[in-house]
Amino acid sequence: MAVADRNGVPIAAWIASGERAESHLVIDTLKARFTDEVPERLIGDRAYDSDGLDAKLATDWGIEMIAPNRRTRGKTQDGRPLRRYRRRWKIERVFAWLFRYRRIVTRWERKSQNFLGFVLLGCLRILLHRL
């Protein structure tokens, strides 16, 4: 999982096992961020539409979670914050940049620490390229 700023530069990256839901990885990813400041808003897809996650991010971190509603839920927010959802392509671009590196696309390492090191190395190369 990765978090990018409004310019599409990665500010956090974290890995976990495949059976964990992405909404449970948000807090761990925010704790592993590269910067000291916390983002004001997070934009995610429908998997992040959770009242518990919204409340935890708002109370503990002061972050507004912007995610469209799942089809099984009723409307929980109006459409104004969802206009920012159109900028979600920037995080998808970060993943495309990371997938240029073969060791990240296919996980060859047996130890998760080694794989996380290569993911962070890929993020570092993206940061240096953007400077």
Protein backbone atom coordinates (compact mmCIF):
# COMPACT_ATOMS: atom_id res chain seq x y z
CA MET A 1 0.00 0.00 0.00
CA ALA A 2 1.25 3.49 -0.78
CA VAL A 3 0.21 7.07 -0.09
CA ALA A 4 1.08 9.90 -2.47
CA ASP A 5 0.77 13.65 -2.13
CA ARG A 6 -1.15 15.91 -4.49
CA ASN A 7 1.77 16.00 -6.92
CA GLY A 8 1.95 12.22 -7.20
CA VAL A 9 5.11 11.84 -5.12
CA PRO A 10 5.05 8.87 -2.72
CA ILE A 11 5.05 9.87 0.95
CA ALA A 12 4.43 6.46 2.53
CA ALA A 13 4.67 2.79 1.61
CA TRP A 14 3.93 -0.40 3.53
CA ILE A 15 3.45 -4.08 2.80
CA ALA A 16 1.41 -6.79 4.50
CA SER A 17 0.10 -10.26 3.82
CA GLY A 18 -2.43 -10.71 1.06
CA GLU A 19 -5.37 -11.70 3.23
CA ARG A 20 -5.52 -8.39 5.13
CA ALA A 21 -8.05 -5.88 3.84
CA GLU A 22 -6.66 -2.63 2.53
CA SER A 23 -8.76 -0.58 4.92
CA HIS A 24 -6.86 -2.20 7.81
CA LEU A 25 -3.50 -1.14 6.33
CA VAL A 26 -4.19 2.59 6.30
CA ILE A 27 -3.00 3.28 9.85
CA ASP A 28 0.17 1.17 9.45
CA THR A 29 0.96 2.96 6.19
CA LEU A 30 0.50 6.38 7.77
CA LYS A 31 2.83 5.42 10.60
CA ALA A 32 5.50 4.46 8.03
CA ARG A 33 5.37 7.78 6.14
CA PHE A 34 8.56 9.51 4.97
CA THR A 35 7.53 13.00 6.09
CA ASP A 36 6.72 14.47 9.48
CA GLU A 37 3.46 16.11 8.47
CA VAL A 38 0.20 14.20 8.19
CA PRO A 39 -1.98 14.67 5.09
CA GLU A 40 -5.25 16.53 5.53
CA ARG A 41 -7.23 14.20 3.27
CA LEU A 42 -6.92 10.66 1.98
CA ILE A 43 -8.60 9.60 -1.23
CA GLY A 44 -9.40 5.92 -1.67
CA ASP A 45 -11.63 3.65 -3.69
CA ARG A 46 -14.80 1.89 -2.54
CA ALA A 47 -12.86 -0.54 -0.34
CA TYR A 48 -12.08 2.31 2.06
CA ASP A 49 -15.75 3.19 2.66
CA SER A 50 -15.95 2.32 6.33
CA ASP A 51 -17.46 4.25 9.22
CA GLY A 52 -14.89 2.83 11.64
CA LEU A 53 -11.98 3.91 9.45
CA ASP A 54 -13.50 7.36 8.93
CA ALA A 55 -13.95 7.84 12.67
CA LYS A 56 -10.48 6.55 13.56
CA LEU A 57 -8.76 8.77 10.99
CA ALA A 58 -10.80 11.81 12.03
CA THR A 59 -10.33 11.47 15.78
CA ASP A 60 -6.78 10.11 16.04
CA TRP A 61 -5.11 11.71 13.03
CA GLY A 62 -7.35 14.62 11.98
CA ILE A 63 -7.62 13.24 8.43
CA GLU A 64 -10.70 13.37 6.21
CA MET A 65 -11.28 10.13 4.31
CA ILE A 66 -12.79 10.58 0.85
CA ALA A 67 -14.16 7.39 -0.69
CA PRO A 68 -17.24 6.71 -2.80
CA ASN A 69 -19.99 4.69 -1.17
CA ARG A 70 -20.21 0.97 -1.71
CA ARG A 71 -23.27 -0.19 -3.58
CA THR A 72 -24.62 -2.04 -0.54
CA ARG A 73 -24.63 1.10 1.60
CA GLY A 74 -26.84 4.13 1.42
CA LYS A 75 -25.46 7.58 0.85
CA THR A 76 -23.30 8.66 3.78
CA GLN A 77 -21.85 11.83 2.26
CA ASP A 78 -22.79 14.42 -0.29
CA GLY A 79 -20.98 14.72 -3.60
CA ARG A 80 -18.78 17.73 -2.82
CA PRO A 81 -15.78 15.88 -1.35
CA LEU A 82 -16.06 13.25 -4.07
CA ARG A 83 -14.91 15.81 -6.62
CA ARG A 84 -11.44 15.22 -5.23
CA TYR A 85 -11.83 11.52 -6.07
CA ARG A 86 -11.08 12.40 -9.69
CA ARG A 87 -7.45 12.99 -8.65
CA ARG A 88 -7.04 9.37 -7.58
CA TRP A 89 -5.21 8.67 -10.84
CA LYS A 90 -2.07 10.15 -9.27
CA ILE A 91 -1.67 7.25 -6.85
CA GLU A 92 -2.29 4.82 -9.71
CA ARG A 93 0.54 6.56 -11.55
CA VAL A 94 2.83 6.01 -8.56
CA PHE A 95 2.05 2.29 -8.72
CA ALA A 96 2.82 2.31 -12.45
CA TRP A 97 6.18 3.96 -11.69
CA LEU A 98 6.93 1.37 -9.01
CA PHE A 99 6.02 -1.50 -11.33
CA ARG A 100 8.78 -0.47 -13.70
CA TYR A 101 11.12 -2.30 -11.33
CA ARG A 102 11.05 -6.05 -11.88
CA ARG A 103 11.76 -6.98 -8.27
CA ILE A 104 8.63 -5.17 -7.14
CA VAL A 105 6.30 -6.52 -9.83
CA THR A 106 7.06 -10.13 -8.98
CA ARG A 107 7.96 -10.79 -5.39
CA TRP A 108 11.12 -12.88 -5.59
CA GLU A 109 12.25 -12.31 -1.99
CA ARG A 110 11.23 -14.77 0.67
CA LYS A 111 11.58 -12.30 3.53
CA SER A 112 9.15 -9.44 3.75
CA GLN A 113 11.84 -7.06 5.05
CA ASN A 114 13.82 -7.50 1.83
CA PHE A 115 10.75 -6.87 -0.32
CA LEU A 116 9.84 -3.78 1.73
CA GLY A 117 13.40 -2.56 1.23
CA PHE A 118 13.04 -2.82 -2.54
CA VAL A 119 9.68 -1.04 -2.44
CA LEU A 120 11.23 1.78 -0.40
CA LEU A 121 14.18 1.87 -2.79
CA GLY A 122 11.75 2.26 -5.69
CA CYS A 123 10.01 5.10 -3.82
CA LEU A 124 13.38 6.74 -3.23
CA ARG A 125 14.23 6.57 -6.93
CA ILE A 126 10.87 8.17 -7.76
CA LEU A 127 11.50 10.92 -5.20
CA LEU A 128 14.98 11.61 -6.57
CA HIS A 129 13.69 11.66 -10.14
CA ARG A 130 10.97 14.17 -9.22
CA LEU A 131 13.40 16.60 -7.57
